C-alpha atoms as a PDB file:
ATOM      1  CA  UNK A   1      -7.705 -16.703  -1.225  1.00  0.00           C
ATOM      2  CA  UNK A   2     -10.852 -16.571  -1.572  1.00  0.00           C
ATOM      3  CA  UNK A   3     -10.719 -19.158  -4.154  1.00  0.00           C
ATOM      4  CA  UNK A   4      -9.590 -21.339  -1.891  1.00  0.00           C
ATOM      5  CA  UNK A   5     -12.443 -20.978   0.566  1.00  0.00           C
ATOM      6  CA  UNK A   6     -10.326 -18.227   2.863  1.00  0.00           C
ATOM      7  CA  UNK A   7     -11.614 -14.972   4.346  1.00  0.00           C
ATOM      8  CA  UNK A   8      -9.879 -11.574   3.647  1.00  0.00           C
ATOM      9  CA  UNK A   9      -9.939  -8.126   5.179  1.00  0.00           C
ATOM     10  CA  UNK A  10      -8.561  -5.150   3.556  1.00  0.00           C
ATOM     11  CA  UNK A  11      -7.318  -2.159   5.008  1.00  0.00           C
ATOM     12  CA  UNK A  12      -6.842   1.065   3.292  1.00  0.00           C
ATOM     13  CA  UNK A  13      -5.046   3.254   6.195  1.00  0.00           C
ATOM     14  CA  UNK A  14      -5.456   6.487   4.442  1.00  0.00           C
ATOM     15  CA  UNK A  15      -8.493   7.419   1.868  1.00  0.00           C
ATOM     16  CA  UNK A  16      -6.140   9.035  -0.994  1.00  0.00           C
ATOM     17  CA  UNK A  17      -7.612  12.448   0.132  1.00  0.00           C
ATOM     18  CA  UNK A  18      -4.125  14.373  -0.905  1.00  0.00           C
ATOM     19  CA  UNK A  19      -3.988  13.761  -4.523  1.00  0.00           C
ATOM     20  CA  UNK A  20      -4.037  17.109  -6.211  1.00  0.00           C
ATOM     21  CA  UNK A  21      -3.042  16.836  -9.911  1.00  0.00           C
ATOM     22  CA  UNK A  22      -6.274  14.214 -10.596  1.00  0.00           C
ATOM     23  CA  UNK A  23      -8.233  16.721  -8.705  1.00  0.00           C
ATOM     24  CA  UNK A  24      -6.829  19.734 -10.373  1.00  0.00           C
ATOM     25  CA  UNK A  25      -7.483  18.184 -13.894  1.00  0.00           C
ATOM     26  CA  UNK A  26     -11.147  16.500 -12.878  1.00  0.00           C
ATOM     27  CA  UNK A  27     -12.958  19.596 -11.443  1.00  0.00           C
ATOM     28  CA  UNK A  28     -11.033  22.192 -13.950  1.00  0.00           C
ATOM     29  CA  UNK A  29      -9.354  24.474 -11.307  1.00  0.00           C
ATOM     30  CA  UNK A  30      -6.089  24.838  -9.838  1.00  0.00           C
ATOM     31  CA  UNK A  31      -6.798  25.477  -5.424  1.00  0.00           C
ATOM     32  CA  UNK A  32      -8.462  22.407  -3.906  1.00  0.00           C
ATOM     33  CA  UNK A  33      -9.825  22.477  -0.668  1.00  0.00           C
ATOM     34  CA  UNK A  34     -10.905  20.949   2.131  1.00  0.00           C
ATOM     35  CA  UNK A  35     -13.973  20.012   0.887  1.00  0.00           C
ATOM     36  CA  UNK A  36     -12.637  18.977  -2.342  1.00  0.00           C
ATOM     37  CA  UNK A  37     -10.411  16.392  -0.630  1.00  0.00           C
ATOM     38  CA  UNK A  38     -13.360  15.157   1.278  1.00  0.00           C
ATOM     39  CA  UNK A  39     -15.267  14.551  -1.783  1.00  0.00           C
ATOM     40  CA  UNK A  40     -12.377  12.841  -3.429  1.00  0.00           C
ATOM     41  CA  UNK A  41     -11.572  10.877  -0.702  1.00  0.00           C
ATOM     42  CA  UNK A  42     -15.631   9.373  -0.626  1.00  0.00           C
ATOM     43  CA  UNK A  43     -15.264   8.997  -4.419  1.00  0.00           C
ATOM     44  CA  UNK A  44     -11.758   7.221  -3.844  1.00  0.00           C
ATOM     45  CA  UNK A  45     -13.765   4.846  -1.306  1.00  0.00           C
ATOM     46  CA  UNK A  46     -16.350   4.201  -3.664  1.00  0.00           C
ATOM     47  CA  UNK A  47     -13.985   2.854  -6.312  1.00  0.00           C
ATOM     48  CA  UNK A  48     -12.503   0.814  -3.944  1.00  0.00           C
ATOM     49  CA  UNK A  49     -15.415  -0.901  -3.017  1.00  0.00           C
ATOM     50  CA  UNK A  50     -16.271  -1.379  -6.428  1.00  0.00           C
ATOM     51  CA  UNK A  51     -12.471  -2.982  -7.140  1.00  0.00           C
ATOM     52  CA  UNK A  52     -12.819  -5.077  -4.256  1.00  0.00           C
ATOM     53  CA  UNK A  53     -16.236  -6.521  -5.226  1.00  0.00           C
ATOM     54  CA  UNK A  54     -14.832  -7.664  -7.944  1.00  0.00           C
ATOM     55  CA  UNK A  55     -11.954  -9.766  -6.613  1.00  0.00           C
ATOM     56  CA  UNK A  56     -14.691 -11.729  -4.427  1.00  0.00           C
ATOM     57  CA  UNK A  57     -14.202  -9.440  -1.326  1.00  0.00           C
ATOM     58  CA  UNK A  58     -17.446  -8.015   0.260  1.00  0.00           C
ATOM     59  CA  UNK A  59     -17.923  -4.006   0.898  1.00  0.00           C
ATOM     60  CA  UNK A  60     -17.283  -5.023   5.027  1.00  0.00           C
ATOM     61  CA  UNK A  61     -14.405  -6.578   4.602  1.00  0.00           C
ATOM     62  CA  UNK A  62     -12.673  -3.530   3.430  1.00  0.00           C
ATOM     63  CA  UNK A  63     -11.942  -0.464   6.042  1.00  0.00           C
ATOM     64  CA  UNK A  64     -10.750   2.305   5.790  1.00  0.00           C
ATOM     65  CA  UNK A  65      -8.917   3.937   8.517  1.00  0.00           C
ATOM     66  CA  UNK A  66      -8.614   7.802   7.661  1.00  0.00           C
ATOM     67  CA  UNK A  67      -5.345   8.945   8.415  1.00  0.00           C
ATOM     68  CA  UNK A  68      -3.719  12.013   6.759  1.00  0.00           C
ATOM     69  CA  UNK A  69      -2.841  11.066   2.818  1.00  0.00           C
ATOM     70  CA  UNK A  70       0.957  11.760   2.597  1.00  0.00           C
ATOM     71  CA  UNK A  71       0.671  12.489   6.411  1.00  0.00           C
ATOM     72  CA  UNK A  72       1.734   8.967   7.872  1.00  0.00           C
ATOM     73  CA  UNK A  73       5.728   9.442   8.125  1.00  0.00           C
ATOM     74  CA  UNK A  74       4.769  12.609  10.276  1.00  0.00           C
ATOM     75  CA  UNK A  75       2.562  10.920  12.475  1.00  0.00           C
ATOM     76  CA  UNK A  76       5.232   8.053  13.141  1.00  0.00           C
ATOM     77  CA  UNK A  77       8.318  10.215  13.127  1.00  0.00           C
ATOM     78  CA  UNK A  78       6.327  12.295  15.970  1.00  0.00           C
ATOM     79  CA  UNK A  79       5.549   9.284  17.919  1.00  0.00           C
ATOM     80  CA  UNK A  80       1.926   9.870  17.155  1.00  0.00           C
ATOM     81  CA  UNK A  81       0.379   6.225  18.805  1.00  0.00           C
ATOM     82  CA  UNK A  82      -2.901   5.921  16.838  1.00  0.00           C
ATOM     83  CA  UNK A  83      -2.123   4.549  13.420  1.00  0.00           C
ATOM     84  CA  UNK A  84      -0.174   1.580  15.777  1.00  0.00           C
ATOM     85  CA  UNK A  85      -3.124   1.368  17.522  1.00  0.00           C
ATOM     86  CA  UNK A  86      -5.255   1.103  14.805  1.00  0.00           C
ATOM     87  CA  UNK A  87      -3.894  -1.535  12.948  1.00  0.00           C
ATOM     88  CA  UNK A  88      -3.192  -3.308  15.980  1.00  0.00           C
ATOM     89  CA  UNK A  89      -6.583  -3.550  16.787  1.00  0.00           C
ATOM     90  CA  UNK A  90      -7.433  -4.896  13.750  1.00  0.00           C
ATOM     91  CA  UNK A  91      -4.737  -7.646  13.886  1.00  0.00           C
ATOM     92  CA  UNK A  92      -5.923  -8.561  17.013  1.00  0.00           C
ATOM     93  CA  UNK A  93      -9.625  -8.888  15.755  1.00  0.00           C
ATOM     94  CA  UNK A  94      -8.972 -10.244  12.615  1.00  0.00           C
ATOM     95  CA  UNK A  95      -6.132 -12.863  13.886  1.00  0.00           C
ATOM     96  CA  UNK A  96      -4.715 -13.205  10.095  1.00  0.00           C
ATOM     97  CA  UNK A  97      -2.600 -15.819   9.561  1.00  0.00           C
ATOM     98  CA  UNK A  98      -0.956 -14.072   6.631  1.00  0.00           C
ATOM     99  CA  UNK A  99      -0.145 -10.120   6.311  1.00  0.00           C
ATOM    100  CA  UNK A 100       0.106  -8.679   2.866  1.00  0.00           C
ATOM    101  CA  UNK A 101       1.955  -5.933   3.379  1.00  0.00           C
ATOM    102  CA  UNK A 102       3.512  -2.921   1.416  1.00  0.00           C
ATOM    103  CA  UNK A 103       7.193  -2.905   1.504  1.00  0.00           C
ATOM    104  CA  UNK A 104       9.761  -0.946   2.817  1.00  0.00           C
ATOM    105  CA  UNK A 105      11.354  -0.672  -0.505  1.00  0.00           C
ATOM    106  CA  UNK A 106       8.400   1.081  -1.915  1.00  0.00           C
ATOM    107  CA  UNK A 107       9.057   4.575  -2.537  1.00  0.00           C
ATOM    108  CA  UNK A 108       5.683   5.985  -1.517  1.00  0.00           C
ATOM    109  CA  UNK A 109       6.162   7.636   2.173  1.00  0.00           C
ATOM    110  CA  UNK A 110       2.755   5.984   3.311  1.00  0.00           C
ATOM    111  CA  UNK A 111       3.841   2.259   2.160  1.00  0.00           C
ATOM    112  CA  UNK A 112       6.912   2.439   3.960  1.00  0.00           C
ATOM    113  CA  UNK A 113       5.508   3.662   6.870  1.00  0.00           C
ATOM    114  CA  UNK A 114       2.635   1.113   7.118  1.00  0.00           C
ATOM    115  CA  UNK A 115       5.378  -1.439   6.398  1.00  0.00           C
ATOM    116  CA  UNK A 116       7.064   0.103   9.752  1.00  0.00           C
ATOM    117  CA  UNK A 117       3.940  -0.328  11.781  1.00  0.00           C
ATOM    118  CA  UNK A 118       2.767  -3.813  10.861  1.00  0.00           C
ATOM    119  CA  UNK A 119       6.216  -5.039  11.190  1.00  0.00           C
ATOM    120  CA  UNK A 120       6.385  -3.414  14.472  1.00  0.00           C
ATOM    121  CA  UNK A 121       3.362  -4.812  15.631  1.00  0.00           C
ATOM    122  CA  UNK A 122       3.692  -8.675  14.112  1.00  0.00           C
ATOM    123  CA  UNK A 123       7.782  -8.685  15.086  1.00  0.00           C
ATOM    124  CA  UNK A 124       7.239 -11.022  18.174  1.00  0.00           C
ATOM    125  CA  UNK A 125       4.013 -13.135  16.593  1.00  0.00           C
ATOM    126  CA  UNK A 126       4.221 -15.910  14.010  1.00  0.00           C
ATOM    127  CA  UNK A 127       2.003 -14.025  11.741  1.00  0.00           C
ATOM    128  CA  UNK A 128       3.825 -15.024   8.022  1.00  0.00           C
ATOM    129  CA  UNK A 129       4.289 -11.511   6.046  1.00  0.00           C
ATOM    130  CA  UNK A 130       4.953 -11.082   2.236  1.00  0.00           C
ATOM    131  CA  UNK A 131       5.194  -7.587   0.877  1.00  0.00           C
ATOM    132  CA  UNK A 132       4.476  -6.019  -2.395  1.00  0.00           C
ATOM    133  CA  UNK A 133       5.710  -3.003  -3.982  1.00  0.00           C
ATOM    134  CA  UNK A 134       3.573  -0.453  -6.291  1.00  0.00           C
ATOM    135  CA  UNK A 135       5.912   2.580  -6.743  1.00  0.00           C
ATOM    136  CA  UNK A 136       9.646   1.330  -7.660  1.00  0.00           C
ATOM    137  CA  UNK A 137      11.332  -1.674  -8.183  1.00  0.00           C
ATOM    138  CA  UNK A 138      11.307  -4.502  -6.230  1.00  0.00           C
ATOM    139  CA  UNK A 139      14.679  -6.433  -5.443  1.00  0.00           C
ATOM    140  CA  UNK A 140      14.764 -10.104  -7.041  1.00  0.00           C
ATOM    141  CA  UNK A 141      16.896 -11.710  -4.504  1.00  0.00           C
ATOM    142  CA  UNK A 142      14.039 -11.063  -2.264  1.00  0.00           C
ATOM    143  CA  UNK A 143      11.110 -12.748  -3.932  1.00  0.00           C
ATOM    144  CA  UNK A 144       9.323 -14.963  -1.280  1.00  0.00           C
ATOM    145  CA  UNK A 145       6.524 -15.766  -3.828  1.00  0.00           C
ATOM    146  CA  UNK A 146       5.911 -15.111  -7.484  1.00  0.00           C
ATOM    147  CA  UNK A 147       2.453 -16.031  -9.046  1.00  0.00           C
ATOM    148  CA  UNK A 148       1.992 -16.610 -12.629  1.00  0.00           C
ATOM    149  CA  UNK A 149      -1.496 -15.330 -13.220  1.00  0.00           C
ATOM    150  CA  UNK A 150      -3.791 -17.223 -16.137  1.00  0.00           C
ATOM    151  CA  UNK A 151      -5.319 -15.149 -18.778  1.00  0.00           C
ATOM    152  CA  UNK A 152      -8.329 -15.044 -16.861  1.00  0.00           C
ATOM    153  CA  UNK A 153      -7.085 -13.944 -13.423  1.00  0.00           C
ATOM    154  CA  UNK A 154      -4.849 -11.031 -15.234  1.00  0.00           C
ATOM    155  CA  UNK A 155      -7.969  -9.868 -16.949  1.00  0.00           C
ATOM    156  CA  UNK A 156     -10.219  -9.780 -13.812  1.00  0.00           C
ATOM    157  CA  UNK A 157      -6.985  -8.054 -12.362  1.00  0.00           C
ATOM    158  CA  UNK A 158      -7.288  -5.387 -15.258  1.00  0.00           C
ATOM    159  CA  UNK A 159     -10.999  -4.503 -14.672  1.00  0.00           C
ATOM    160  CA  UNK A 160     -10.227  -3.814 -10.921  1.00  0.00           C
ATOM    161  CA  UNK A 161      -7.720  -1.538 -11.620  1.00  0.00           C
ATOM    162  CA  UNK A 162      -9.723   0.260 -13.867  1.00  0.00           C
ATOM    163  CA  UNK A 163     -12.823   0.776 -10.932  1.00  0.00           C
ATOM    164  CA  UNK A 164     -10.284   3.447  -9.733  1.00  0.00           C
ATOM    165  CA  UNK A 165     -11.621   5.801 -12.278  1.00  0.00           C
ATOM    166  CA  UNK A 166      -9.995   8.688 -10.477  1.00  0.00           C
ATOM    167  CA  UNK A 167      -6.439   7.465 -10.668  1.00  0.00           C
ATOM    168  CA  UNK A 168      -6.710   6.125 -14.624  1.00  0.00           C
ATOM    169  CA  UNK A 169      -7.239  10.502 -15.558  1.00  0.00           C
ATOM    170  CA  UNK A 170      -3.418  10.703 -15.517  1.00  0.00           C
ATOM    171  CA  UNK A 171      -1.661   7.335 -14.987  1.00  0.00           C
ATOM    172  CA  UNK A 172      -3.451   4.903 -16.927  1.00  0.00           C
ATOM    173  CA  UNK A 173      -0.632   3.412 -18.443  1.00  0.00           C
ATOM    174  CA  UNK A 174       1.035   2.980 -15.007  1.00  0.00           C
ATOM    175  CA  UNK A 175      -1.448   1.586 -13.268  1.00  0.00           C
ATOM    176  CA  UNK A 176      -2.490  -0.768 -15.387  1.00  0.00           C
ATOM    177  CA  UNK A 177       0.893  -2.088 -15.952  1.00  0.00           C
ATOM    178  CA  UNK A 178       0.210  -3.716 -12.554  1.00  0.00           C
ATOM    179  CA  UNK A 179      -2.243  -6.180 -14.603  1.00  0.00           C
ATOM    180  CA  UNK A 180       0.894  -7.879 -15.830  1.00  0.00           C
ATOM    181  CA  UNK A 181       1.441 -11.638 -15.984  1.00  0.00           C
ATOM    182  CA  UNK A 182       3.427 -12.453 -12.827  1.00  0.00           C
ATOM    183  CA  UNK A 183       2.214 -11.491  -9.620  1.00  0.00           C
ATOM    184  CA  UNK A 184       5.414 -10.651  -7.335  1.00  0.00           C
ATOM    185  CA  UNK A 185       5.445 -10.815  -3.364  1.00  0.00           C
ATOM    186  CA  UNK A 186       8.837 -10.145  -1.533  1.00  0.00           C
ATOM    187  CA  UNK A 187       9.568 -11.194   2.023  1.00  0.00           C
ATOM    188  CA  UNK A 188       8.973  -9.623   5.351  1.00  0.00           C
ATOM    189  CA  UNK A 189      11.312  -6.271   6.137  1.00  0.00           C
ATOM    190  CA  UNK A 190      12.277  -7.168   9.510  1.00  0.00           C
ATOM    191  CA  UNK A 191      16.229  -7.137   8.179  1.00  0.00           C
ATOM    192  CA  UNK A 192      15.529  -3.200   6.994  1.00  0.00           C
ATOM    193  CA  UNK A 193      12.930  -1.948   8.823  1.00  0.00           C
ATOM    194  CA  UNK A 194      13.323   1.996   8.285  1.00  0.00           C
ATOM    195  CA  UNK A 195      11.090   5.009   7.830  1.00  0.00           C
ATOM    196  CA  UNK A 196      13.674   6.529   5.427  1.00  0.00           C
ATOM    197  CA  UNK A 197      13.555   6.308   1.588  1.00  0.00           C
ATOM    198  CA  UNK A 198      15.253   3.124   0.015  1.00  0.00           C
ATOM    199  CA  UNK A 199      17.283   6.058  -1.613  1.00  0.00           C
ATOM    200  CA  UNK A 200      18.074   7.520   1.257  1.00  0.00           C
ATOM    201  CA  UNK A 201      19.102   4.545   3.061  1.00  0.00           C
ATOM    202  CA  UNK A 202      21.305   3.680  -0.006  1.00  0.00           C
ATOM    203  CA  UNK A 203      22.981   6.701   0.135  1.00  0.00           C
ATOM    204  CA  UNK A 204      23.744   6.931   4.234  1.00  0.00           C
ATOM    205  CA  UNK A 205      25.353   3.196   3.325  1.00  0.00           C
ATOM    206  CA  UNK A 206      27.824   4.845   0.888  1.00  0.00           C
ATOM    207  CA  UNK A 207      28.787   7.802   3.076  1.00  0.00           C
ATOM    208  CA  UNK A 208      29.491   5.065   5.794  1.00  0.00           C
ATOM    209  CA  UNK A 209      31.677   2.855   4.094  1.00  0.00           C
ATOM    210  CA  UNK A 210      33.252   6.095   2.198  1.00  0.00           C
ATOM    211  CA  UNK A 211      34.361   7.046   5.984  1.00  0.00           C
ATOM    212  CA  UNK A 212      35.525   3.822   6.991  1.00  0.00           C
ATOM    213  CA  UNK A 213      37.620   3.178   4.021  1.00  0.00           C
ATOM    214  CA  UNK A 214      38.799   7.098   4.459  1.00  0.00           C
END
């Protein structure tokens, strides 16, 4: 987008503070307290800013909304309006022509919940939406666009991933695997919008089918 002269805004809905195993590994202790989590959140924000800079996105274009890490789905199920309101304000202020959202097929609760909020906000607009998956595998039939990266683009993406040093402490192989030659984006989630995990949704469908057959 930046190479084509467009502008980018990145929203970090949480700061990733509830990430205990890398914290235990780095701090060399089992019990992780509130101050540790705050320090970790600040570290992850700095890493994210460095990563964006490598990709040509200024620090002022990356906003952290600060909602609880691993807590978004609880807020959504309790009808807490704040995450939706914050995302709606961001959409209204920025007026995007394209939203790149986490996917409802992602196995991470926070990612699926962000998808649910964004699709709910954008349902009656003409804003184009594509989705991406970090945890888990996408459905091939839902691929909307496959970008084939040049060697230079791939190295640049790997360098951006390496800025997130805290995440590479225990999961470097998994995170660096995202710097692969093909970047896949999936179509919007309007047809499958749910707060449940894809595995739970599949299990419920199978139980319903079995009940009908019975």
